[in-house]
Amino acid sequence: MLRLAILFLILGVVAALLGFGGIAGASFAIAKLLFWVFLVIFLILLVLGLMAARKVSGG
């Protein structure tokens, strides 16, 4: 998911440099959305992983 966000970010930068404003804006919006989705999923899995590690280690 993070790779897709970076890909859309790069696509947006290239489109902006070439003068395609609509495509660049849409690409930046998609990149921002994918980044936030990635961040939320990452944090959820991090918390679940820490809870599972405590349960396994007995702490």
PDB file of N, CA and C in Angstrom:
ATOM      1  N   MET A   1       0.831  -1.183   0.000  1.00  0.00           N
ATOM      2  CA  MET A   1       0.000   0.000   0.000  1.00  0.00           C
ATOM      3  C   MET A   1       0.879   1.252   0.000  1.00  0.00           C
ATOM      4  N   LEU A   2       1.955   1.212   0.737  1.00  0.00           N
ATOM      5  CA  LEU A   2       2.853   2.361   0.762  1.00  0.00           C
ATOM      6  C   LEU A   2       3.512   2.550  -0.600  1.00  0.00           C
ATOM      7  N   ARG A   3       3.811   1.452  -1.284  1.00  0.00           N
ATOM      8  CA  ARG A   3       4.381   1.548  -2.631  1.00  0.00           C
ATOM      9  C   ARG A   3       3.427   2.248  -3.584  1.00  0.00           C
ATOM     10  N   LEU A   4       2.147   1.934  -3.469  1.00  0.00           N
ATOM     11  CA  LEU A   4       1.163   2.596  -4.323  1.00  0.00           C
ATOM     12  C   LEU A   4       1.069   4.081  -4.021  1.00  0.00           C
ATOM     13  N   ALA A   5       1.143   4.434  -2.750  1.00  0.00           N
ATOM     14  CA  ALA A   5       1.108   5.847  -2.378  1.00  0.00           C
ATOM     15  C   ALA A   5       2.305   6.586  -2.968  1.00  0.00           C
ATOM     16  N   ILE A   6       3.472   5.993  -2.882  1.00  0.00           N
ATOM     17  CA  ILE A   6       4.668   6.617  -3.446  1.00  0.00           C
ATOM     18  C   ILE A   6       4.568   6.696  -4.962  1.00  0.00           C
ATOM     19  N   LEU A   7       4.034   5.653  -5.587  1.00  0.00           N
ATOM     20  CA  LEU A   7       3.859   5.653  -7.036  1.00  0.00           C
ATOM     21  C   LEU A   7       2.931   6.781  -7.481  1.00  0.00           C
ATOM     22  N   PHE A   8       1.800   6.957  -6.805  1.00  0.00           N
ATOM     23  CA  PHE A   8       0.881   8.028  -7.161  1.00  0.00           C
ATOM     24  C   PHE A   8       1.480   9.402  -6.873  1.00  0.00           C
ATOM     25  N   LEU A   9       2.304   9.501  -5.836  1.00  0.00           N
ATOM     26  CA  LEU A   9       2.970  10.757  -5.538  1.00  0.00           C
ATOM     27  C   LEU A   9       3.937  11.130  -6.665  1.00  0.00           C
ATOM     28  N   ILE A  10       4.723  10.173  -7.106  1.00  0.00           N
ATOM     29  CA  ILE A  10       5.656  10.425  -8.205  1.00  0.00           C
ATOM     30  C   ILE A  10       4.901  10.756  -9.485  1.00  0.00           C
ATOM     31  N   LEU A  11       3.821  10.030  -9.738  1.00  0.00           N
ATOM     32  CA  LEU A  11       3.000  10.309 -10.913  1.00  0.00           C
ATOM     33  C   LEU A  11       2.433  11.729 -10.860  1.00  0.00           C
ATOM     34  N   GLY A  12       2.014  12.156  -9.683  1.00  0.00           N
ATOM     35  CA  GLY A  12       1.499  13.506  -9.516  1.00  0.00           C
ATOM     36  C   GLY A  12       2.549  14.570  -9.756  1.00  0.00           C
ATOM     37  N   VAL A  13       3.768  14.329  -9.282  1.00  0.00           N
ATOM     38  CA  VAL A  13       4.852  15.291  -9.481  1.00  0.00           C
ATOM     39  C   VAL A  13       5.191  15.409 -10.964  1.00  0.00           C
ATOM     40  N   VAL A  14       5.297  14.278 -11.641  1.00  0.00           N
ATOM     41  CA  VAL A  14       5.606  14.288 -13.074  1.00  0.00           C
ATOM     42  C   VAL A  14       4.485  14.979 -13.851  1.00  0.00           C
ATOM     43  N   ALA A  15       3.242  14.671 -13.520  1.00  0.00           N
ATOM     44  CA  ALA A  15       2.119  15.293 -14.214  1.00  0.00           C
ATOM     45  C   ALA A  15       2.091  16.805 -13.963  1.00  0.00           C
ATOM     46  N   ALA A  16       2.426  17.217 -12.754  1.00  0.00           N
ATOM     47  CA  ALA A  16       2.454  18.649 -12.451  1.00  0.00           C
ATOM     48  C   ALA A  16       3.563  19.351 -13.234  1.00  0.00           C
ATOM     49  N   LEU A  17       4.719  18.704 -13.347  1.00  0.00           N
ATOM     50  CA  LEU A  17       5.823  19.302 -14.103  1.00  0.00           C
ATOM     51  C   LEU A  17       5.487  19.426 -15.587  1.00  0.00           C
ATOM     52  N   LEU A  18       4.681  18.503 -16.092  1.00  0.00           N
ATOM     53  CA  LEU A  18       4.300  18.532 -17.501  1.00  0.00           C
ATOM     54  C   LEU A  18       3.074  19.404 -17.761  1.00  0.00           C
ATOM     55  N   GLY A  19       2.453  19.916 -16.709  1.00  0.00           N
ATOM     56  CA  GLY A  19       1.343  20.829 -16.875  1.00  0.00           C
ATOM     57  C   GLY A  19      -0.039  20.205 -16.845  1.00  0.00           C
ATOM     58  N   PHE A  20      -0.143  18.983 -16.450  1.00  0.00           N
ATOM     59  CA  PHE A  20      -1.445  18.315 -16.351  1.00  0.00           C
ATOM     60  C   PHE A  20      -1.985  18.494 -14.929  1.00  0.00           C
ATOM     61  N   GLY A  21      -2.646  19.600 -14.689  1.00  0.00           N
ATOM     62  CA  GLY A  21      -3.082  19.951 -13.339  1.00  0.00           C
ATOM     63  C   GLY A  21      -4.142  19.031 -12.781  1.00  0.00           C
ATOM     64  N   GLY A  22      -5.105  18.630 -13.596  1.00  0.00           N
ATOM     65  CA  GLY A  22      -6.179  17.765 -13.113  1.00  0.00           C
ATOM     66  C   GLY A  22      -5.679  16.392 -12.714  1.00  0.00           C
ATOM     67  N   ILE A  23      -4.825  15.838 -13.546  1.00  0.00           N
ATOM     68  CA  ILE A  23      -4.265  14.516 -13.243  1.00  0.00           C
ATOM     69  C   ILE A  23      -3.357  14.593 -12.014  1.00  0.00           C
ATOM     70  N   ALA A  24      -2.603  15.679 -11.920  1.00  0.00           N
ATOM     71  CA  ALA A  24      -1.698  15.836 -10.779  1.00  0.00           C
ATOM     72  C   ALA A  24      -2.483  15.951  -9.477  1.00  0.00           C
ATOM     73  N   GLY A  25      -3.546  16.745  -9.490  1.00  0.00           N
ATOM     74  CA  GLY A  25      -4.356  16.899  -8.283  1.00  0.00           C
ATOM     75  C   GLY A  25      -5.006  15.604  -7.846  1.00  0.00           C
ATOM     76  N   ALA A  26      -5.541  14.873  -8.822  1.00  0.00           N
ATOM     77  CA  ALA A  26      -6.169  13.589  -8.500  1.00  0.00           C
ATOM     78  C   ALA A  26      -5.134  12.595  -7.978  1.00  0.00           C
ATOM     79  N   SER A  27      -3.965  12.604  -8.575  1.00  0.00           N
ATOM     80  CA  SER A  27      -2.912  11.679  -8.154  1.00  0.00           C
ATOM     81  C   SER A  27      -2.445  11.992  -6.735  1.00  0.00           C
ATOM     82  N   PHE A  28      -2.303  13.278  -6.415  1.00  0.00           N
ATOM     83  CA  PHE A  28      -1.916  13.653  -5.053  1.00  0.00           C
ATOM     84  C   PHE A  28      -2.993  13.255  -4.050  1.00  0.00           C
ATOM     85  N   ALA A  29      -4.251  13.412  -4.423  1.00  0.00           N
ATOM     86  CA  ALA A  29      -5.341  13.040  -3.511  1.00  0.00           C
ATOM     87  C   ALA A  29      -5.346  11.537  -3.256  1.00  0.00           C
ATOM     88  N   ILE A  30      -5.131  10.752  -4.300  1.00  0.00           N
ATOM     89  CA  ILE A  30      -5.079   9.297  -4.138  1.00  0.00           C
ATOM     90  C   ILE A  30      -3.877   8.900  -3.288  1.00  0.00           C
ATOM     91  N   ALA A  31      -2.746   9.533  -3.521  1.00  0.00           N
ATOM     92  CA  ALA A  31      -1.540   9.218  -2.740  1.00  0.00           C
ATOM     93  C   ALA A  31      -1.758   9.527  -1.264  1.00  0.00           C
ATOM     94  N   LYS A  32      -2.408  10.661  -0.980  1.00  0.00           N
ATOM     95  CA  LYS A  32      -2.661  11.031   0.411  1.00  0.00           C
ATOM     96  C   LYS A  32      -3.620  10.038   1.067  1.00  0.00           C
ATOM     97  N   LEU A  33      -4.654   9.646   0.357  1.00  0.00           N
ATOM     98  CA  LEU A  33      -5.609   8.678   0.884  1.00  0.00           C
ATOM     99  C   LEU A  33      -4.931   7.336   1.160  1.00  0.00           C
ATOM    100  N   LEU A  34      -4.143   6.854   0.215  1.00  0.00           N
ATOM    101  CA  LEU A  34      -3.459   5.575   0.409  1.00  0.00           C
ATOM    102  C   LEU A  34      -2.470   5.633   1.564  1.00  0.00           C
ATOM    103  N   PHE A  35      -1.805   6.768   1.738  1.00  0.00           N
ATOM    104  CA  PHE A  35      -0.869   6.894   2.858  1.00  0.00           C
ATOM    105  C   PHE A  35      -1.592   6.799   4.190  1.00  0.00           C
ATOM    106  N   TRP A  36      -2.737   7.489   4.326  1.00  0.00           N
ATOM    107  CA  TRP A  36      -3.474   7.450   5.595  1.00  0.00           C
ATOM    108  C   TRP A  36      -4.048   6.066   5.860  1.00  0.00           C
ATOM    109  N   VAL A  37      -4.515   5.384   4.812  1.00  0.00           N
ATOM    110  CA  VAL A  37      -5.013   4.012   4.987  1.00  0.00           C
ATOM    111  C   VAL A  37      -3.868   3.108   5.446  1.00  0.00           C
ATOM    112  N   PHE A  38      -2.699   3.261   4.815  1.00  0.00           N
ATOM    113  CA  PHE A  38      -1.528   2.485   5.221  1.00  0.00           C
ATOM    114  C   PHE A  38      -1.181   2.747   6.685  1.00  0.00           C
ATOM    115  N   LEU A  39      -1.185   4.015   7.081  1.00  0.00           N
ATOM    116  CA  LEU A  39      -0.816   4.375   8.444  1.00  0.00           C
ATOM    117  C   LEU A  39      -1.787   3.776   9.462  1.00  0.00           C
ATOM    118  N   VAL A  40      -3.070   3.821   9.191  1.00  0.00           N
ATOM    119  CA  VAL A  40      -4.067   3.255  10.108  1.00  0.00           C
ATOM    120  C   VAL A  40      -3.896   1.742  10.218  1.00  0.00           C
ATOM    121  N   ILE A  41      -3.738   1.068   9.089  1.00  0.00           N
ATOM    122  CA  ILE A  41      -3.562  -0.386   9.122  1.00  0.00           C
ATOM    123  C   ILE A  41      -2.267  -0.751   9.853  1.00  0.00           C
ATOM    124  N   PHE A  42      -1.205   0.008   9.609  1.00  0.00           N
ATOM    125  CA  PHE A  42       0.065  -0.244  10.288  1.00  0.00           C
ATOM    126  C   PHE A  42      -0.080  -0.128  11.797  1.00  0.00           C
ATOM    127  N   LEU A  43      -0.735   0.928  12.260  1.00  0.00           N
ATOM    128  CA  LEU A  43      -0.890   1.124  13.702  1.00  0.00           C
ATOM    129  C   LEU A  43      -1.756   0.039  14.335  1.00  0.00           C
ATOM    130  N   ILE A  44      -2.821  -0.363  13.651  1.00  0.00           N
ATOM    131  CA  ILE A  44      -3.667  -1.439  14.175  1.00  0.00           C
ATOM    132  C   ILE A  44      -2.870  -2.731  14.307  1.00  0.00           C
ATOM    133  N   LEU A  45      -2.113  -3.079  13.267  1.00  0.00           N
ATOM    134  CA  LEU A  45      -1.328  -4.308  13.319  1.00  0.00           C
ATOM    135  C   LEU A  45      -0.197  -4.226  14.339  1.00  0.00           C
ATOM    136  N   LEU A  46       0.358  -3.036  14.531  1.00  0.00           N
ATOM    137  CA  LEU A  46       1.394  -2.862  15.543  1.00  0.00           C
ATOM    138  C   LEU A  46       0.836  -3.116  16.941  1.00  0.00           C
ATOM    139  N   VAL A  47      -0.312  -2.561  17.239  1.00  0.00           N
ATOM    140  CA  VAL A  47      -0.932  -2.762  18.553  1.00  0.00           C
ATOM    141  C   VAL A  47      -1.296  -4.229  18.747  1.00  0.00           C
ATOM    142  N   LEU A  48      -1.879  -4.856  17.727  1.00  0.00           N
ATOM    143  CA  LEU A  48      -2.234  -6.272  17.842  1.00  0.00           C
ATOM    144  C   LEU A  48      -0.993  -7.145  18.032  1.00  0.00           C
ATOM    145  N   GLY A  49       0.088  -6.806  17.340  1.00  0.00           N
ATOM    146  CA  GLY A  49       1.331  -7.563  17.499  1.00  0.00           C
ATOM    147  C   GLY A  49       1.915  -7.423  18.890  1.00  0.00           C
ATOM    148  N   LEU A  50       1.863  -6.221  19.443  1.00  0.00           N
ATOM    149  CA  LEU A  50       2.373  -6.026  20.800  1.00  0.00           C
ATOM    150  C   LEU A  50       1.524  -6.759  21.827  1.00  0.00           C
ATOM    151  N   MET A  51       0.213  -6.771  21.620  1.00  0.00           N
ATOM    152  CA  MET A  51      -0.665  -7.501  22.543  1.00  0.00           C
ATOM    153  C   MET A  51      -0.416  -8.999  22.459  1.00  0.00           C
ATOM    154  N   ALA A  52      -0.175  -9.528  21.270  1.00  0.00           N
ATOM    155  CA  ALA A  52       0.090 -10.948  21.124  1.00  0.00           C
ATOM    156  C   ALA A  52       1.441 -11.309  21.729  1.00  0.00           C
ATOM    157  N   ALA A  53       2.430 -10.438  21.588  1.00  0.00           N
ATOM    158  CA  ALA A  53       3.745 -10.714  22.164  1.00  0.00           C
ATOM    159  C   ALA A  53       3.685 -10.750  23.680  1.00  0.00           C
ATOM    160  N   ARG A  54       2.888  -9.872  24.276  1.00  0.00           N
ATOM    161  CA  ARG A  54       2.743  -9.894  25.740  1.00  0.00           C
ATOM    162  C   ARG A  54       2.052 -11.167  26.198  1.00  0.00           C
ATOM    163  N   LYS A  55       1.054 -11.598  25.434  1.00  0.00           N
ATOM    164  CA  LYS A  55       0.331 -12.789  25.828  1.00  0.00           C
ATOM    165  C   LYS A  55       1.222 -14.040  25.724  1.00  0.00           C
ATOM    166  N   VAL A  56       2.073 -14.094  24.702  1.00  0.00           N
ATOM    167  CA  VAL A  56       2.967 -15.241  24.523  1.00  0.00           C
ATOM    168  C   VAL A  56       4.055 -15.248  25.582  1.00  0.00           C
ATOM    169  N   SER A  57       4.599 -14.060  25.896  1.00  0.00           N
ATOM    170  CA  SER A  57       5.696 -14.005  26.856  1.00  0.00           C
ATOM    171  C   SER A  57       5.212 -14.070  28.312  1.00  0.00           C
ATOM    172  N   GLY A  58       3.919 -13.941  28.535  1.00  0.00           N
ATOM    173  CA  GLY A  58       3.384 -14.059  29.877  1.00  0.00           C
ATOM    174  C   GLY A  58       3.420 -12.770  30.672  1.00  0.00           C
ATOM    175  N   GLY A  59       3.694 -11.648  30.009  1.00  0.00           N
ATOM    176  CA  GLY A  59       3.807 -10.362  30.708  1.00  0.00           C
ATOM    177  C   GLY A  59       2.564  -9.659  30.805  1.00  0.00           C
TER     178      GLY A  59
END
